[in-house]
N, C-alpha and C. Protein backbone atom coordinates (compact mmCIF):
# COMPACT_ATOMS: atom_id res chain seq x y z
N UNK A 1 8.50 52.50 24.62
CA UNK A 1 8.88 51.12 24.47
C UNK A 1 9.86 50.68 25.56
N UNK A 2 10.76 51.58 25.95
CA UNK A 2 11.73 51.24 26.98
C UNK A 2 11.05 51.01 28.33
N UNK A 3 9.92 51.65 28.56
CA UNK A 3 9.22 51.52 29.84
C UNK A 3 8.62 50.14 30.02
N UNK A 4 8.24 49.47 28.93
CA UNK A 4 7.70 48.11 29.03
C UNK A 4 8.76 47.16 29.59
N UNK A 5 9.99 47.38 29.26
CA UNK A 5 11.08 46.56 29.78
C UNK A 5 11.36 46.90 31.25
N UNK A 6 11.20 48.15 31.61
CA UNK A 6 11.52 48.62 32.95
C UNK A 6 10.53 48.12 34.01
N UNK A 7 9.27 47.97 33.67
CA UNK A 7 8.25 47.56 34.65
C UNK A 7 8.56 46.18 35.23
N UNK A 8 8.81 45.14 34.43
CA UNK A 8 9.12 43.84 35.03
C UNK A 8 10.43 43.86 35.84
N UNK A 9 11.41 44.61 35.38
CA UNK A 9 12.68 44.68 36.09
C UNK A 9 12.48 45.33 37.46
N UNK A 10 11.75 46.44 37.50
CA UNK A 10 11.49 47.12 38.78
C UNK A 10 10.62 46.26 39.70
N UNK A 11 9.67 45.56 39.14
CA UNK A 11 8.82 44.67 39.95
C UNK A 11 9.67 43.57 40.57
N UNK A 12 10.52 42.95 39.76
CA UNK A 12 11.41 41.91 40.27
C UNK A 12 12.33 42.47 41.35
N UNK A 13 12.89 43.64 41.14
CA UNK A 13 13.79 44.25 42.12
C UNK A 13 13.07 44.53 43.43
N UNK A 14 11.83 44.98 43.36
CA UNK A 14 11.06 45.27 44.58
C UNK A 14 10.78 43.98 45.35
N UNK A 15 10.36 42.94 44.65
CA UNK A 15 10.08 41.65 45.30
C UNK A 15 11.36 41.09 45.91
N UNK A 16 12.45 41.15 45.17
CA UNK A 16 13.73 40.66 45.67
C UNK A 16 14.15 41.44 46.92
N UNK A 17 13.96 42.75 46.92
CA UNK A 17 14.32 43.58 48.07
C UNK A 17 13.53 43.21 49.31
N UNK A 18 12.23 42.99 49.17
CA UNK A 18 11.39 42.60 50.31
C UNK A 18 11.83 41.24 50.84
N UNK A 19 12.07 40.30 49.96
CA UNK A 19 12.50 38.96 50.39
C UNK A 19 13.87 39.02 51.06
N UNK A 20 14.78 39.81 50.53
CA UNK A 20 16.11 39.96 51.13
C UNK A 20 15.99 40.52 52.55
N UNK A 21 15.17 41.54 52.71
CA UNK A 21 14.95 42.13 54.04
C UNK A 21 14.38 41.08 55.00
N UNK A 22 13.36 40.35 54.57
CA UNK A 22 12.73 39.35 55.43
C UNK A 22 13.71 38.25 55.82
N UNK A 23 14.53 37.84 54.89
CA UNK A 23 15.48 36.76 55.14
C UNK A 23 16.49 37.13 56.23
N UNK A 24 16.95 38.35 56.23
CA UNK A 24 18.02 38.73 57.15
C UNK A 24 17.57 39.57 58.35
N UNK A 25 16.31 39.98 58.38
CA UNK A 25 15.88 40.85 59.47
C UNK A 25 14.72 40.32 60.30
N UNK A 26 14.05 39.28 59.86
CA UNK A 26 12.93 38.75 60.61
C UNK A 26 13.33 37.45 61.29
N UNK A 27 12.84 37.23 62.49
CA UNK A 27 13.17 36.04 63.27
C UNK A 27 11.93 35.15 63.37
N UNK A 28 11.96 33.95 62.80
CA UNK A 28 10.77 33.09 62.82
C UNK A 28 10.39 32.61 64.21
N UNK A 29 11.29 32.71 65.20
CA UNK A 29 10.94 32.31 66.56
C UNK A 29 10.23 33.43 67.31
N UNK A 30 10.08 34.58 66.70
CA UNK A 30 9.44 35.71 67.35
C UNK A 30 8.15 36.10 66.62
N UNK A 31 7.33 35.13 66.35
CA UNK A 31 6.03 35.40 65.75
C UNK A 31 5.17 36.04 66.83
N UNK A 32 4.55 37.18 66.54
CA UNK A 32 3.78 37.85 67.59
C UNK A 32 2.60 37.00 68.06
N UNK A 33 2.31 37.13 69.34
CA UNK A 33 1.18 36.40 69.92
C UNK A 33 0.19 37.40 70.50
N UNK A 34 -1.07 37.20 70.21
CA UNK A 34 -2.12 38.04 70.76
C UNK A 34 -2.26 37.85 72.26
N UNK A 35 -1.69 36.77 72.79
CA UNK A 35 -1.86 36.45 74.20
C UNK A 35 -0.79 37.05 75.11
N UNK A 36 0.23 37.68 74.54
CA UNK A 36 1.25 38.28 75.39
C UNK A 36 0.62 39.32 76.30
N UNK A 37 0.99 39.28 77.56
CA UNK A 37 0.47 40.16 78.62
C UNK A 37 -0.98 39.85 78.98
N UNK A 38 -1.49 38.71 78.52
CA UNK A 38 -2.85 38.30 78.87
C UNK A 38 -2.79 37.02 79.70
N UNK A 39 -3.85 36.74 80.46
CA UNK A 39 -3.86 35.51 81.27
C UNK A 39 -3.86 34.26 80.39
N UNK A 40 -3.26 33.20 80.92
CA UNK A 40 -3.31 31.91 80.25
C UNK A 40 -4.78 31.49 80.16
N UNK A 41 -5.24 31.02 78.98
CA UNK A 41 -6.63 30.58 78.87
C UNK A 41 -6.95 29.47 79.88
N UNK A 42 -8.20 29.40 80.29
CA UNK A 42 -8.62 28.39 81.27
C UNK A 42 -8.62 27.00 80.63
N UNK A 43 -8.05 26.04 81.36
CA UNK A 43 -8.08 24.65 80.94
C UNK A 43 -7.88 23.76 82.15
N UNK A 44 -8.24 22.50 81.99
CA UNK A 44 -8.03 21.48 83.02
C UNK A 44 -7.84 20.16 82.28
N UNK A 45 -6.60 19.68 82.26
CA UNK A 45 -6.26 18.49 81.47
C UNK A 45 -5.94 17.29 82.35
N UNK A 46 -6.27 16.13 81.83
CA UNK A 46 -5.91 14.87 82.50
C UNK A 46 -4.40 14.68 82.45
N UNK A 47 -3.90 13.86 83.35
CA UNK A 47 -2.46 13.60 83.45
C UNK A 47 -2.01 12.60 82.39
N UNK A 48 -0.72 12.67 82.08
CA UNK A 48 -0.08 11.59 81.33
C UNK A 48 -0.07 10.39 82.28
N UNK A 49 -0.47 9.20 81.83
CA UNK A 49 -0.50 8.04 82.73
C UNK A 49 0.83 7.84 83.47
N UNK A 50 0.73 7.60 84.76
CA UNK A 50 1.88 7.40 85.65
C UNK A 50 2.67 8.68 85.91
N UNK A 51 2.19 9.81 85.42
CA UNK A 51 2.86 11.10 85.64
C UNK A 51 1.85 12.13 86.14
N UNK A 52 0.88 11.66 86.95
CA UNK A 52 -0.17 12.54 87.45
C UNK A 52 0.28 13.34 88.63
N UNK A 53 -0.44 14.32 89.05
CA UNK A 53 -1.75 14.76 88.58
C UNK A 53 -1.66 15.50 87.25
N UNK A 54 -2.82 15.86 86.72
CA UNK A 54 -2.89 16.55 85.44
C UNK A 54 -2.44 18.00 85.56
N UNK A 55 -2.89 18.81 84.62
CA UNK A 55 -2.46 20.20 84.55
C UNK A 55 -3.67 21.10 84.32
N UNK A 56 -3.76 22.15 85.11
CA UNK A 56 -4.83 23.14 84.97
C UNK A 56 -4.21 24.54 84.98
N UNK A 57 -4.97 25.49 84.49
CA UNK A 57 -4.51 26.88 84.48
C UNK A 57 -4.06 27.33 85.86
N UNK A 58 -4.81 26.95 86.88
CA UNK A 58 -4.48 27.38 88.25
C UNK A 58 -3.11 26.90 88.71
N UNK A 59 -2.62 25.79 88.15
CA UNK A 59 -1.29 25.27 88.51
C UNK A 59 -0.17 26.22 88.09
N UNK A 60 -0.44 27.05 87.09
CA UNK A 60 0.59 27.94 86.55
C UNK A 60 0.70 29.25 87.32
N UNK A 61 -0.24 29.49 88.22
CA UNK A 61 -0.23 30.73 89.03
C UNK A 61 0.49 30.43 90.34
N UNK A 62 1.81 30.41 90.28
CA UNK A 62 2.62 29.96 91.41
C UNK A 62 3.23 31.10 92.22
N UNK A 63 3.08 32.32 91.76
CA UNK A 63 3.73 33.43 92.44
C UNK A 63 5.15 33.67 91.96
N UNK A 64 5.57 32.87 90.97
CA UNK A 64 6.89 33.07 90.36
C UNK A 64 6.79 32.74 88.88
N UNK A 65 7.82 33.07 88.14
CA UNK A 65 7.84 32.80 86.71
C UNK A 65 8.05 31.30 86.49
N UNK A 66 7.24 30.73 85.60
CA UNK A 66 7.35 29.31 85.25
C UNK A 66 7.32 29.19 83.72
N UNK A 67 7.68 28.01 83.23
CA UNK A 67 7.63 27.72 81.80
C UNK A 67 6.54 26.69 81.54
N UNK A 68 5.83 26.86 80.44
CA UNK A 68 4.87 25.87 79.95
C UNK A 68 5.39 25.40 78.60
N UNK A 69 5.85 24.16 78.55
CA UNK A 69 6.44 23.59 77.35
C UNK A 69 5.43 22.70 76.64
N UNK A 70 5.16 23.01 75.37
CA UNK A 70 4.26 22.22 74.54
C UNK A 70 5.13 21.23 73.76
N UNK A 71 4.88 19.93 73.97
CA UNK A 71 5.74 18.90 73.38
C UNK A 71 4.89 17.72 72.92
N UNK A 72 5.52 16.80 72.18
CA UNK A 72 4.86 15.57 71.73
C UNK A 72 5.92 14.49 71.54
N UNK A 73 5.49 13.25 71.67
CA UNK A 73 6.43 12.13 71.51
C UNK A 73 6.92 12.00 70.07
N UNK A 74 6.13 12.47 69.12
CA UNK A 74 6.47 12.36 67.71
C UNK A 74 7.32 13.54 67.21
N UNK A 75 7.65 14.46 68.09
CA UNK A 75 8.34 15.70 67.72
C UNK A 75 9.85 15.55 67.88
N UNK A 76 10.58 15.60 66.78
CA UNK A 76 12.03 15.46 66.81
C UNK A 76 12.68 16.66 67.51
N UNK A 77 12.20 17.86 67.24
CA UNK A 77 12.78 19.06 67.86
C UNK A 77 12.55 19.07 69.37
N UNK A 78 11.47 18.43 69.83
CA UNK A 78 11.22 18.34 71.28
C UNK A 78 12.32 17.54 71.96
N UNK A 79 12.76 16.50 71.28
CA UNK A 79 13.84 15.68 71.82
C UNK A 79 15.15 16.47 71.89
N UNK A 80 15.35 17.38 70.94
CA UNK A 80 16.57 18.19 70.92
C UNK A 80 16.62 19.16 72.10
N UNK A 81 15.49 19.71 72.51
CA UNK A 81 15.48 20.68 73.62
C UNK A 81 15.38 20.01 74.99
N UNK A 82 14.99 18.76 75.01
CA UNK A 82 14.71 18.05 76.26
C UNK A 82 15.89 17.99 77.24
N UNK A 83 17.12 17.72 76.79
CA UNK A 83 18.24 17.70 77.74
C UNK A 83 18.43 19.02 78.49
N UNK A 84 18.18 20.14 77.83
CA UNK A 84 18.28 21.43 78.50
C UNK A 84 17.23 21.55 79.60
N UNK A 85 16.02 21.09 79.33
CA UNK A 85 14.97 21.13 80.36
C UNK A 85 15.32 20.21 81.53
N UNK A 86 15.90 19.06 81.23
CA UNK A 86 16.33 18.16 82.31
C UNK A 86 17.42 18.83 83.16
N UNK A 87 18.31 19.54 82.51
CA UNK A 87 19.37 20.26 83.23
C UNK A 87 18.78 21.37 84.10
N UNK A 88 17.82 22.12 83.57
CA UNK A 88 17.19 23.19 84.35
C UNK A 88 16.46 22.62 85.56
N UNK A 89 15.85 21.45 85.39
CA UNK A 89 15.18 20.80 86.52
C UNK A 89 16.21 20.38 87.58
N UNK A 90 17.29 19.76 87.14
CA UNK A 90 18.32 19.29 88.07
C UNK A 90 18.94 20.44 88.86
N UNK A 91 19.06 21.60 88.21
CA UNK A 91 19.63 22.77 88.87
C UNK A 91 18.58 23.56 89.65
N UNK A 92 17.33 23.13 89.59
CA UNK A 92 16.22 23.82 90.24
C UNK A 92 16.16 25.29 89.82
N UNK A 93 16.38 25.51 88.52
CA UNK A 93 16.42 26.86 87.96
C UNK A 93 15.03 27.46 87.80
N UNK A 94 14.10 26.68 87.30
CA UNK A 94 12.74 27.16 87.03
C UNK A 94 11.81 25.95 87.01
N UNK A 95 10.57 26.16 87.43
CA UNK A 95 9.57 25.10 87.32
C UNK A 95 9.08 25.05 85.88
N UNK A 96 9.06 23.84 85.33
CA UNK A 96 8.61 23.63 83.95
C UNK A 96 7.38 22.74 84.00
N UNK A 97 6.33 23.16 83.31
CA UNK A 97 5.10 22.39 83.20
C UNK A 97 4.98 21.92 81.76
N UNK A 98 4.47 20.70 81.57
CA UNK A 98 4.38 20.12 80.24
C UNK A 98 2.96 20.04 79.73
N UNK A 99 2.79 20.36 78.47
CA UNK A 99 1.51 20.19 77.79
C UNK A 99 1.76 19.26 76.62
N UNK A 100 1.33 18.01 76.76
CA UNK A 100 1.54 17.02 75.70
C UNK A 100 0.46 17.24 74.65
N UNK A 101 0.89 17.52 73.42
CA UNK A 101 0.02 18.04 72.36
C UNK A 101 -0.24 17.01 71.27
N UNK A 102 -1.53 16.74 71.03
CA UNK A 102 -1.96 15.85 69.94
C UNK A 102 -1.18 14.54 69.92
N UNK A 103 -1.20 13.88 71.05
CA UNK A 103 -0.44 12.66 71.25
C UNK A 103 -1.33 11.65 71.96
N UNK A 104 -0.91 10.42 72.03
CA UNK A 104 -1.66 9.43 72.80
C UNK A 104 -1.06 9.34 74.20
N UNK A 105 -1.88 9.02 75.20
CA UNK A 105 -1.36 8.90 76.56
C UNK A 105 -0.22 7.88 76.67
N UNK A 106 -0.36 6.75 75.99
CA UNK A 106 0.66 5.71 76.05
C UNK A 106 1.99 6.19 75.46
N UNK A 107 1.92 6.84 74.30
CA UNK A 107 3.15 7.34 73.66
C UNK A 107 3.82 8.41 74.52
N UNK A 108 3.02 9.28 75.12
CA UNK A 108 3.58 10.34 75.98
C UNK A 108 4.27 9.74 77.20
N UNK A 109 3.62 8.75 77.83
CA UNK A 109 4.20 8.10 79.02
C UNK A 109 5.52 7.40 78.66
N UNK A 110 5.54 6.70 77.54
CA UNK A 110 6.77 6.01 77.12
C UNK A 110 7.89 7.00 76.81
N UNK A 111 7.53 8.12 76.18
CA UNK A 111 8.53 9.14 75.84
C UNK A 111 9.16 9.72 77.10
N UNK A 112 8.33 10.04 78.10
CA UNK A 112 8.85 10.58 79.36
C UNK A 112 9.67 9.54 80.11
N UNK A 113 9.25 8.28 80.08
CA UNK A 113 10.00 7.21 80.75
C UNK A 113 11.38 7.04 80.11
N UNK A 114 11.44 7.15 78.80
CA UNK A 114 12.69 6.97 78.06
C UNK A 114 13.63 8.18 78.19
N UNK A 115 13.07 9.39 78.19
CA UNK A 115 13.90 10.59 78.12
C UNK A 115 14.01 11.38 79.41
N UNK A 116 13.22 11.00 80.41
CA UNK A 116 13.22 11.74 81.67
C UNK A 116 12.06 12.72 81.71
N UNK A 117 11.69 13.10 82.93
CA UNK A 117 10.55 13.99 83.11
C UNK A 117 10.98 15.28 83.81
N UNK A 118 11.13 16.37 83.05
CA UNK A 118 11.52 17.63 83.67
C UNK A 118 10.33 18.43 84.21
N UNK A 119 9.12 17.90 84.06
CA UNK A 119 7.91 18.67 84.33
C UNK A 119 7.40 18.48 85.75
N UNK A 120 6.92 19.57 86.34
CA UNK A 120 6.27 19.52 87.65
C UNK A 120 4.93 18.80 87.51
N UNK A 121 4.19 19.15 86.48
CA UNK A 121 2.92 18.51 86.11
C UNK A 121 2.85 18.45 84.60
N UNK A 122 2.13 17.46 84.10
CA UNK A 122 1.98 17.32 82.65
C UNK A 122 0.53 17.01 82.33
N UNK A 123 -0.02 17.74 81.38
CA UNK A 123 -1.40 17.51 80.95
C UNK A 123 -1.46 17.00 79.53
N UNK A 124 -2.48 16.18 79.26
CA UNK A 124 -2.69 15.60 77.93
C UNK A 124 -3.68 16.46 77.14
N UNK A 125 -3.22 17.03 76.04
CA UNK A 125 -4.09 17.79 75.13
C UNK A 125 -4.23 16.98 73.85
N UNK A 126 -4.93 15.84 73.97
CA UNK A 126 -5.01 14.88 72.87
C UNK A 126 -5.63 15.46 71.60
N UNK A 127 -6.64 16.28 71.74
CA UNK A 127 -7.33 16.83 70.57
C UNK A 127 -6.75 18.18 70.13
N UNK A 128 -5.86 18.76 70.94
CA UNK A 128 -5.24 20.02 70.56
C UNK A 128 -6.06 21.25 70.89
N UNK A 129 -7.12 21.10 71.67
CA UNK A 129 -8.00 22.23 71.99
C UNK A 129 -7.28 23.33 72.78
N UNK A 130 -6.52 22.94 73.80
CA UNK A 130 -5.79 23.93 74.59
C UNK A 130 -4.71 24.58 73.73
N UNK A 131 -4.08 23.79 72.88
CA UNK A 131 -3.09 24.35 71.95
C UNK A 131 -3.70 25.43 71.07
N UNK A 132 -4.91 25.20 70.60
CA UNK A 132 -5.60 26.21 69.79
C UNK A 132 -5.84 27.46 70.61
N UNK A 133 -6.32 27.29 71.85
CA UNK A 133 -6.58 28.44 72.72
C UNK A 133 -5.31 29.23 73.02
N UNK A 134 -4.17 28.53 73.06
CA UNK A 134 -2.89 29.20 73.32
C UNK A 134 -2.26 29.78 72.05
N UNK A 135 -2.84 29.45 70.89
CA UNK A 135 -2.27 29.94 69.64
C UNK A 135 -1.02 29.18 69.22
N UNK A 136 -0.98 27.89 69.55
CA UNK A 136 0.19 27.07 69.21
C UNK A 136 0.23 26.85 67.69
N UNK A 137 1.40 27.12 67.11
CA UNK A 137 1.61 26.90 65.68
C UNK A 137 2.07 25.48 65.41
N UNK A 138 2.81 24.92 66.33
CA UNK A 138 3.36 23.57 66.20
C UNK A 138 4.19 23.28 67.43
N UNK A 139 4.82 22.14 67.45
CA UNK A 139 5.64 21.80 68.61
C UNK A 139 7.11 21.75 68.19
N UNK A 140 7.99 22.07 69.09
CA UNK A 140 7.74 22.56 70.43
C UNK A 140 7.49 24.07 70.46
N UNK A 141 6.79 24.48 71.48
CA UNK A 141 6.63 25.89 71.82
C UNK A 141 6.72 26.00 73.33
N UNK A 142 7.28 27.08 73.80
CA UNK A 142 7.42 27.29 75.24
C UNK A 142 6.91 28.67 75.60
N UNK A 143 6.03 28.69 76.59
CA UNK A 143 5.46 29.94 77.09
C UNK A 143 6.12 30.29 78.42
N UNK A 144 6.46 31.55 78.58
CA UNK A 144 6.95 32.05 79.86
C UNK A 144 5.73 32.66 80.56
N UNK A 145 5.41 32.10 81.72
CA UNK A 145 4.21 32.51 82.46
C UNK A 145 4.64 33.31 83.69
N UNK A 146 4.05 34.48 83.85
CA UNK A 146 4.37 35.34 84.98
C UNK A 146 3.78 34.83 86.28
N UNK A 147 4.19 35.42 87.40
CA UNK A 147 3.73 34.98 88.72
C UNK A 147 2.21 34.97 88.88
N UNK A 148 1.53 35.85 88.15
CA UNK A 148 0.07 35.95 88.25
C UNK A 148 -0.66 35.16 87.17
N UNK A 149 0.07 34.38 86.37
CA UNK A 149 -0.55 33.56 85.34
C UNK A 149 -0.71 34.25 84.00
N UNK A 150 -0.03 35.38 83.79
CA UNK A 150 -0.08 36.03 82.48
C UNK A 150 1.08 35.53 81.62
N UNK A 151 0.87 35.56 80.32
CA UNK A 151 1.90 35.12 79.37
C UNK A 151 2.87 36.27 79.13
N UNK A 152 4.13 36.05 79.47
CA UNK A 152 5.17 37.07 79.33
C UNK A 152 5.87 36.96 77.98
N UNK A 153 6.12 35.74 77.53
CA UNK A 153 6.84 35.52 76.28
C UNK A 153 6.45 34.17 75.71
N UNK A 154 6.71 34.00 74.42
CA UNK A 154 6.41 32.75 73.73
C UNK A 154 7.57 32.44 72.80
N UNK A 155 8.10 31.24 72.93
CA UNK A 155 9.21 30.82 72.07
C UNK A 155 8.70 29.72 71.16
N UNK A 156 8.82 29.96 69.87
CA UNK A 156 8.39 28.99 68.88
C UNK A 156 9.62 28.22 68.42
N UNK A 157 9.52 26.90 68.47
CA UNK A 157 10.66 26.06 68.12
C UNK A 157 11.39 25.63 69.37
N UNK A 158 12.43 24.84 69.20
CA UNK A 158 13.14 24.32 70.37
C UNK A 158 13.87 25.41 71.14
N UNK A 159 13.88 25.27 72.46
CA UNK A 159 14.65 26.17 73.31
C UNK A 159 16.09 25.67 73.29
N UNK A 160 16.95 26.44 72.69
CA UNK A 160 18.38 26.11 72.64
C UNK A 160 19.08 26.81 73.81
N UNK A 161 20.32 26.47 74.02
CA UNK A 161 21.09 27.15 75.07
C UNK A 161 21.17 28.65 74.78
N UNK A 162 21.36 29.04 73.52
CA UNK A 162 21.42 30.46 73.17
C UNK A 162 20.11 31.17 73.50
N UNK A 163 19.00 30.55 73.14
CA UNK A 163 17.69 31.15 73.44
C UNK A 163 17.51 31.25 74.95
N UNK A 164 17.91 30.21 75.67
CA UNK A 164 17.80 30.26 77.13
C UNK A 164 18.61 31.44 77.68
N UNK A 165 19.87 31.55 77.25
CA UNK A 165 20.75 32.60 77.77
C UNK A 165 20.27 34.00 77.39
N UNK A 166 19.79 34.17 76.16
CA UNK A 166 19.44 35.49 75.66
C UNK A 166 18.02 35.93 76.02
N UNK A 167 17.07 35.00 76.07
CA UNK A 167 15.67 35.39 76.29
C UNK A 167 15.11 34.95 77.63
N UNK A 168 15.37 33.70 78.01
CA UNK A 168 14.73 33.17 79.21
C UNK A 168 15.46 33.56 80.49
N UNK A 169 16.75 33.40 80.51
CA UNK A 169 17.52 33.67 81.74
C UNK A 169 17.31 35.10 82.25
N UNK A 170 17.36 36.12 81.38
CA UNK A 170 17.11 37.48 81.89
C UNK A 170 15.71 37.64 82.50
N UNK A 171 14.71 36.99 81.92
CA UNK A 171 13.36 37.05 82.49
C UNK A 171 13.31 36.37 83.85
N UNK A 172 13.95 35.21 83.94
CA UNK A 172 13.94 34.46 85.19
C UNK A 172 14.71 35.18 86.29
N UNK A 173 15.79 35.83 85.94
CA UNK A 173 16.60 36.53 86.94
C UNK A 173 15.99 37.87 87.33
N UNK A 174 15.29 38.49 86.37
CA UNK A 174 14.75 39.82 86.64
C UNK A 174 13.32 39.82 87.14
N UNK A 175 12.68 38.65 87.13
CA UNK A 175 11.28 38.60 87.51
C UNK A 175 10.41 39.12 86.39
N UNK A 176 9.13 39.15 86.64
CA UNK A 176 8.17 39.62 85.63
C UNK A 176 8.25 41.12 85.51
N UNK A 177 8.09 41.61 84.30
CA UNK A 177 8.10 43.06 84.10
C UNK A 177 6.70 43.60 83.93
């Protein structure tokens, strides 16, 4: 009879233990990507109006590490990370390419006009097809692309100063590994 009481208690304790571990040991910005160490999927996107030319896979093969930032005009978190990207552009720290995701051309152009354009090139992914090929979960996401066009790292969520200092800056200073 005592064992009937013990089973639910032990089950609850096991579930609580797993959740406790996940809460304090897993990082939601480090969701694994099947594309790490693989080439960026092939694409060729039209430009955001007045911010042309568009963006193609070949543009990302620059011989140096670049960032591909997936953003949208309707994304609040994109606005939060945008000043850092503007700062990186002003300091000529890294080339940043923009992929406007599931947005209208007019809204994207107005957003860039209002907030500034940190991107070397920007492509319109209105239907989200390229985002699917890249394994985008949502916006913002930023991909670190190696000199040969392979994906080195993927950051889910806004790039904060801490993320830049801890994850991006070492990659940019050390080159591709």
